[in-house]
Amino acid sequence: MRRFLNTHHGTDTVARSLQEVEAAFNGLVEVPFLEGRAIGDLDLSTTELRVAHGLGRKPKGFIVLTQDAAQVIYESSASDATHLSLKAGGAVTADVWVF
């Protein structure tokens, strides 16, 4: 994500204000889950499903957005720069946010 770059060369008061804006903005854009994507309609079961995530790097994690059954969804083996490997405790269709 793009970072805030303070290029102001004005008064000390303006410079301090811009430093605070820069610190706050850059803190927000460094939140890991903002650089992710949604993957929908995953038909999961007790068999591993390898899903192409499209991040171009190893994911830091995933969040279940929706699911149509009360099943535990988990990463079944180590993910890599191209795929996320998921299983569930039973049959479930889910949407996930991978980041």
N, C-alpha and C. Protein backbone atom coordinates (compact mmCIF):
# COMPACT_ATOMS: atom_id res chain seq x y z
N MET A 1 0.82 -1.18 0.00
CA MET A 1 0.00 0.00 0.00
C MET A 1 0.86 1.24 0.00
N ARG A 2 0.33 2.28 -0.52
CA ARG A 2 1.05 3.55 -0.60
C ARG A 2 1.18 4.21 0.76
N ARG A 3 2.34 4.77 1.04
CA ARG A 3 2.60 5.45 2.30
C ARG A 3 2.50 6.95 2.12
N PHE A 4 2.23 7.65 3.21
CA PHE A 4 2.18 9.12 3.23
C PHE A 4 3.61 9.64 3.28
N LEU A 5 3.94 10.59 2.43
CA LEU A 5 5.27 11.18 2.42
C LEU A 5 5.15 12.66 2.70
N ASN A 6 5.73 13.10 3.78
CA ASN A 6 5.68 14.50 4.19
C ASN A 6 6.76 15.27 3.44
N THR A 7 6.34 16.16 2.53
CA THR A 7 7.30 16.96 1.76
C THR A 7 7.17 18.44 2.06
N HIS A 8 6.46 18.79 3.12
CA HIS A 8 6.24 20.20 3.46
C HIS A 8 7.49 20.82 4.08
N HIS A 9 7.77 22.05 3.69
CA HIS A 9 8.95 22.75 4.21
C HIS A 9 8.53 24.10 4.77
N GLY A 10 7.42 24.15 5.50
CA GLY A 10 6.89 25.41 6.02
C GLY A 10 7.26 25.62 7.48
N THR A 11 6.32 26.18 8.22
CA THR A 11 6.56 26.51 9.62
C THR A 11 6.69 25.26 10.48
N ASP A 12 7.25 25.43 11.67
CA ASP A 12 7.41 24.31 12.60
C ASP A 12 6.07 23.71 12.99
N THR A 13 5.06 24.56 13.17
CA THR A 13 3.73 24.08 13.56
C THR A 13 3.14 23.19 12.47
N VAL A 14 3.23 23.62 11.23
CA VAL A 14 2.71 22.81 10.11
C VAL A 14 3.52 21.53 9.98
N ALA A 15 4.83 21.64 10.12
CA ALA A 15 5.69 20.46 10.01
C ALA A 15 5.34 19.42 11.08
N ARG A 16 5.13 19.87 12.33
CA ARG A 16 4.76 18.93 13.41
C ARG A 16 3.40 18.30 13.14
N SER A 17 2.46 19.09 12.66
CA SER A 17 1.13 18.55 12.33
C SER A 17 1.23 17.49 11.24
N LEU A 18 2.02 17.77 10.22
CA LEU A 18 2.17 16.81 9.13
C LEU A 18 2.91 15.55 9.60
N GLN A 19 3.82 15.68 10.54
CA GLN A 19 4.49 14.50 11.09
C GLN A 19 3.49 13.61 11.81
N GLU A 20 2.54 14.21 12.53
CA GLU A 20 1.51 13.44 13.22
C GLU A 20 0.59 12.75 12.22
N VAL A 21 0.22 13.46 11.15
CA VAL A 21 -0.62 12.87 10.10
C VAL A 21 0.13 11.71 9.45
N GLU A 22 1.40 11.92 9.15
CA GLU A 22 2.21 10.88 8.52
C GLU A 22 2.28 9.63 9.41
N ALA A 23 2.52 9.80 10.69
CA ALA A 23 2.61 8.66 11.61
C ALA A 23 1.28 7.92 11.70
N ALA A 24 0.18 8.66 11.78
CA ALA A 24 -1.13 8.02 11.89
C ALA A 24 -1.49 7.28 10.60
N PHE A 25 -1.29 7.92 9.46
CA PHE A 25 -1.65 7.32 8.17
C PHE A 25 -0.80 6.07 7.91
N ASN A 26 0.50 6.18 8.11
CA ASN A 26 1.38 5.05 7.83
C ASN A 26 1.11 3.89 8.78
N GLY A 27 0.68 4.18 10.00
CA GLY A 27 0.28 3.12 10.92
C GLY A 27 -0.93 2.36 10.41
N LEU A 28 -1.84 3.05 9.77
CA LEU A 28 -3.04 2.40 9.22
C LEU A 28 -2.72 1.54 8.02
N VAL A 29 -1.90 2.03 7.10
CA VAL A 29 -1.64 1.26 5.88
C VAL A 29 -0.74 0.06 6.12
N GLU A 30 -0.12 -0.02 7.30
CA GLU A 30 0.73 -1.15 7.61
C GLU A 30 -0.02 -2.29 8.29
N VAL A 31 -1.33 -2.17 8.45
CA VAL A 31 -2.14 -3.24 9.03
C VAL A 31 -2.17 -4.39 8.01
N PRO A 32 -1.70 -5.59 8.39
CA PRO A 32 -1.50 -6.66 7.42
C PRO A 32 -2.75 -7.08 6.66
N PHE A 33 -3.91 -7.11 7.30
CA PHE A 33 -5.07 -7.65 6.61
C PHE A 33 -5.67 -6.70 5.57
N LEU A 34 -5.18 -5.47 5.47
CA LEU A 34 -5.65 -4.57 4.43
C LEU A 34 -5.15 -4.98 3.06
N GLU A 35 -4.02 -5.66 3.00
CA GLU A 35 -3.48 -6.09 1.72
C GLU A 35 -3.89 -7.54 1.46
N GLY A 36 -5.17 -7.74 1.31
CA GLY A 36 -5.69 -9.08 1.08
C GLY A 36 -6.74 -9.08 0.01
N ARG A 37 -7.42 -10.21 -0.10
CA ARG A 37 -8.52 -10.32 -1.05
C ARG A 37 -9.51 -11.37 -0.59
N ALA A 38 -10.74 -11.18 -1.03
CA ALA A 38 -11.80 -12.12 -0.70
C ALA A 38 -11.81 -13.26 -1.72
N ILE A 39 -12.02 -14.46 -1.21
CA ILE A 39 -12.19 -15.65 -2.05
C ILE A 39 -13.51 -16.28 -1.63
N GLY A 40 -14.42 -16.43 -2.57
CA GLY A 40 -15.76 -16.86 -2.22
C GLY A 40 -16.13 -18.24 -2.73
N ASP A 41 -17.21 -18.74 -2.15
CA ASP A 41 -17.83 -20.00 -2.54
C ASP A 41 -16.87 -21.19 -2.51
N LEU A 42 -16.12 -21.31 -1.44
CA LEU A 42 -15.20 -22.43 -1.27
C LEU A 42 -15.97 -23.61 -0.69
N ASP A 43 -16.00 -24.71 -1.40
CA ASP A 43 -16.65 -25.93 -0.91
C ASP A 43 -15.62 -26.74 -0.13
N LEU A 44 -15.67 -26.64 1.18
CA LEU A 44 -14.69 -27.27 2.05
C LEU A 44 -15.26 -28.52 2.71
N SER A 45 -14.35 -29.42 3.04
CA SER A 45 -14.73 -30.65 3.74
C SER A 45 -13.50 -31.14 4.50
N THR A 46 -13.50 -32.41 4.88
CA THR A 46 -12.37 -32.99 5.59
C THR A 46 -11.20 -33.30 4.65
N THR A 47 -11.40 -33.09 3.36
CA THR A 47 -10.33 -33.26 2.37
C THR A 47 -9.71 -31.90 2.09
N GLU A 48 -8.40 -31.84 2.01
CA GLU A 48 -7.70 -30.56 1.78
C GLU A 48 -8.09 -29.94 0.44
N LEU A 49 -8.35 -28.64 0.47
CA LEU A 49 -8.61 -27.86 -0.73
C LEU A 49 -7.51 -26.82 -0.87
N ARG A 50 -6.76 -26.88 -1.98
CA ARG A 50 -5.73 -25.88 -2.25
C ARG A 50 -6.35 -24.80 -3.13
N VAL A 51 -6.31 -23.57 -2.62
CA VAL A 51 -6.98 -22.45 -3.27
C VAL A 51 -5.93 -21.44 -3.72
N ALA A 52 -5.96 -21.04 -4.99
CA ALA A 52 -5.06 -19.99 -5.47
C ALA A 52 -5.52 -18.67 -4.85
N HIS A 53 -4.60 -17.98 -4.15
CA HIS A 53 -5.01 -16.76 -3.45
C HIS A 53 -4.63 -15.48 -4.19
N GLY A 54 -3.67 -15.51 -5.10
CA GLY A 54 -3.34 -14.35 -5.91
C GLY A 54 -2.62 -13.21 -5.20
N LEU A 55 -2.06 -13.45 -4.03
CA LEU A 55 -1.37 -12.38 -3.30
C LEU A 55 0.05 -12.13 -3.80
N GLY A 56 0.66 -13.14 -4.40
CA GLY A 56 2.04 -13.00 -4.86
C GLY A 56 3.06 -13.11 -3.73
N ARG A 57 2.62 -13.58 -2.59
CA ARG A 57 3.48 -13.78 -1.42
C ARG A 57 2.79 -14.78 -0.50
N LYS A 58 3.51 -15.29 0.47
CA LYS A 58 2.92 -16.21 1.43
C LYS A 58 1.92 -15.43 2.29
N PRO A 59 0.70 -15.93 2.46
CA PRO A 59 -0.28 -15.22 3.29
C PRO A 59 0.11 -15.19 4.76
N LYS A 60 -0.33 -14.15 5.43
CA LYS A 60 -0.11 -14.04 6.88
C LYS A 60 -1.24 -14.73 7.64
N GLY A 61 -2.39 -14.90 7.00
CA GLY A 61 -3.52 -15.55 7.63
C GLY A 61 -4.78 -15.42 6.80
N PHE A 62 -5.90 -15.85 7.39
CA PHE A 62 -7.19 -15.70 6.72
C PHE A 62 -8.27 -15.50 7.78
N ILE A 63 -9.36 -14.90 7.34
CA ILE A 63 -10.53 -14.67 8.20
C ILE A 63 -11.73 -15.25 7.46
N VAL A 64 -12.54 -16.03 8.16
CA VAL A 64 -13.77 -16.55 7.57
C VAL A 64 -14.80 -15.43 7.56
N LEU A 65 -15.31 -15.10 6.38
CA LEU A 65 -16.30 -14.03 6.25
C LEU A 65 -17.72 -14.57 6.42
N THR A 66 -18.02 -15.65 5.74
CA THR A 66 -19.34 -16.29 5.86
C THR A 66 -19.15 -17.80 5.73
N GLN A 67 -20.08 -18.53 6.31
CA GLN A 67 -20.11 -19.98 6.13
C GLN A 67 -21.53 -20.46 6.32
N ASP A 68 -21.89 -21.53 5.61
CA ASP A 68 -23.29 -21.98 5.64
C ASP A 68 -23.54 -23.15 6.58
N ALA A 69 -22.54 -23.53 7.37
CA ALA A 69 -22.71 -24.61 8.34
C ALA A 69 -21.77 -24.37 9.51
N ALA A 70 -22.12 -24.94 10.65
CA ALA A 70 -21.31 -24.77 11.86
C ALA A 70 -20.15 -25.76 11.85
N GLN A 71 -19.13 -25.43 11.08
CA GLN A 71 -17.94 -26.27 10.98
C GLN A 71 -16.69 -25.44 11.26
N VAL A 72 -15.70 -26.06 11.82
CA VAL A 72 -14.41 -25.40 12.03
C VAL A 72 -13.66 -25.41 10.70
N ILE A 73 -13.11 -24.26 10.32
CA ILE A 73 -12.32 -24.14 9.09
C ILE A 73 -10.89 -23.81 9.51
N TYR A 74 -9.93 -24.54 8.96
CA TYR A 74 -8.55 -24.34 9.39
C TYR A 74 -7.58 -24.55 8.23
N GLU A 75 -6.36 -23.98 8.41
CA GLU A 75 -5.29 -24.17 7.44
C GLU A 75 -4.71 -25.56 7.67
N SER A 76 -4.80 -26.42 6.66
CA SER A 76 -4.44 -27.82 6.84
C SER A 76 -2.96 -28.11 6.62
N SER A 77 -2.29 -27.29 5.85
CA SER A 77 -0.84 -27.42 5.68
C SER A 77 -0.30 -26.04 5.34
N ALA A 78 1.01 -25.91 5.34
CA ALA A 78 1.63 -24.60 5.12
C ALA A 78 1.25 -24.03 3.76
N SER A 79 0.83 -22.78 3.77
CA SER A 79 0.52 -22.09 2.53
C SER A 79 1.81 -21.58 1.91
N ASP A 80 1.74 -21.25 0.62
CA ASP A 80 2.91 -20.72 -0.06
C ASP A 80 2.55 -19.45 -0.82
N ALA A 81 3.40 -19.00 -1.70
CA ALA A 81 3.19 -17.74 -2.41
C ALA A 81 2.06 -17.80 -3.42
N THR A 82 1.51 -18.98 -3.68
CA THR A 82 0.43 -19.10 -4.66
C THR A 82 -0.85 -19.72 -4.12
N HIS A 83 -0.74 -20.58 -3.10
CA HIS A 83 -1.92 -21.32 -2.64
C HIS A 83 -2.11 -21.29 -1.12
N LEU A 84 -3.38 -21.34 -0.71
CA LEU A 84 -3.80 -21.49 0.67
C LEU A 84 -4.43 -22.88 0.77
N SER A 85 -4.06 -23.66 1.77
CA SER A 85 -4.57 -25.02 1.94
C SER A 85 -5.54 -25.05 3.11
N LEU A 86 -6.80 -25.39 2.84
CA LEU A 86 -7.84 -25.36 3.87
C LEU A 86 -8.55 -26.70 3.99
N LYS A 87 -9.03 -26.98 5.20
CA LYS A 87 -9.92 -28.10 5.50
C LYS A 87 -10.99 -27.60 6.45
N ALA A 88 -12.03 -28.41 6.60
CA ALA A 88 -13.08 -28.11 7.56
C ALA A 88 -13.44 -29.38 8.31
N GLY A 89 -14.13 -29.20 9.42
CA GLY A 89 -14.55 -30.35 10.22
C GLY A 89 -15.62 -31.18 9.54
N GLY A 90 -16.26 -30.63 8.54
CA GLY A 90 -17.32 -31.29 7.77
C GLY A 90 -17.65 -30.43 6.57
N ALA A 91 -18.68 -30.79 5.85
CA ALA A 91 -19.04 -30.06 4.63
C ALA A 91 -19.54 -28.65 4.96
N VAL A 92 -18.96 -27.66 4.28
CA VAL A 92 -19.34 -26.26 4.47
C VAL A 92 -18.90 -25.45 3.25
N THR A 93 -19.71 -24.49 2.88
CA THR A 93 -19.34 -23.54 1.84
C THR A 93 -19.02 -22.23 2.54
N ALA A 94 -17.87 -21.64 2.21
CA ALA A 94 -17.42 -20.46 2.95
C ALA A 94 -16.80 -19.42 2.02
N ASP A 95 -16.81 -18.20 2.51
CA ASP A 95 -16.06 -17.09 1.89
C ASP A 95 -14.99 -16.71 2.89
N VAL A 96 -13.75 -16.47 2.42
CA VAL A 96 -12.66 -16.09 3.31
C VAL A 96 -11.98 -14.84 2.78
N TRP A 97 -11.36 -14.11 3.70
CA TRP A 97 -10.48 -12.99 3.37
C TRP A 97 -9.08 -13.48 3.67
N VAL A 98 -8.24 -13.57 2.64
CA VAL A 98 -6.86 -14.01 2.83
C VAL A 98 -5.96 -12.80 2.74
N PHE A 99 -5.01 -12.71 3.67
CA PHE A 99 -4.14 -11.52 3.72
C PHE A 99 -2.69 -11.91 4.00
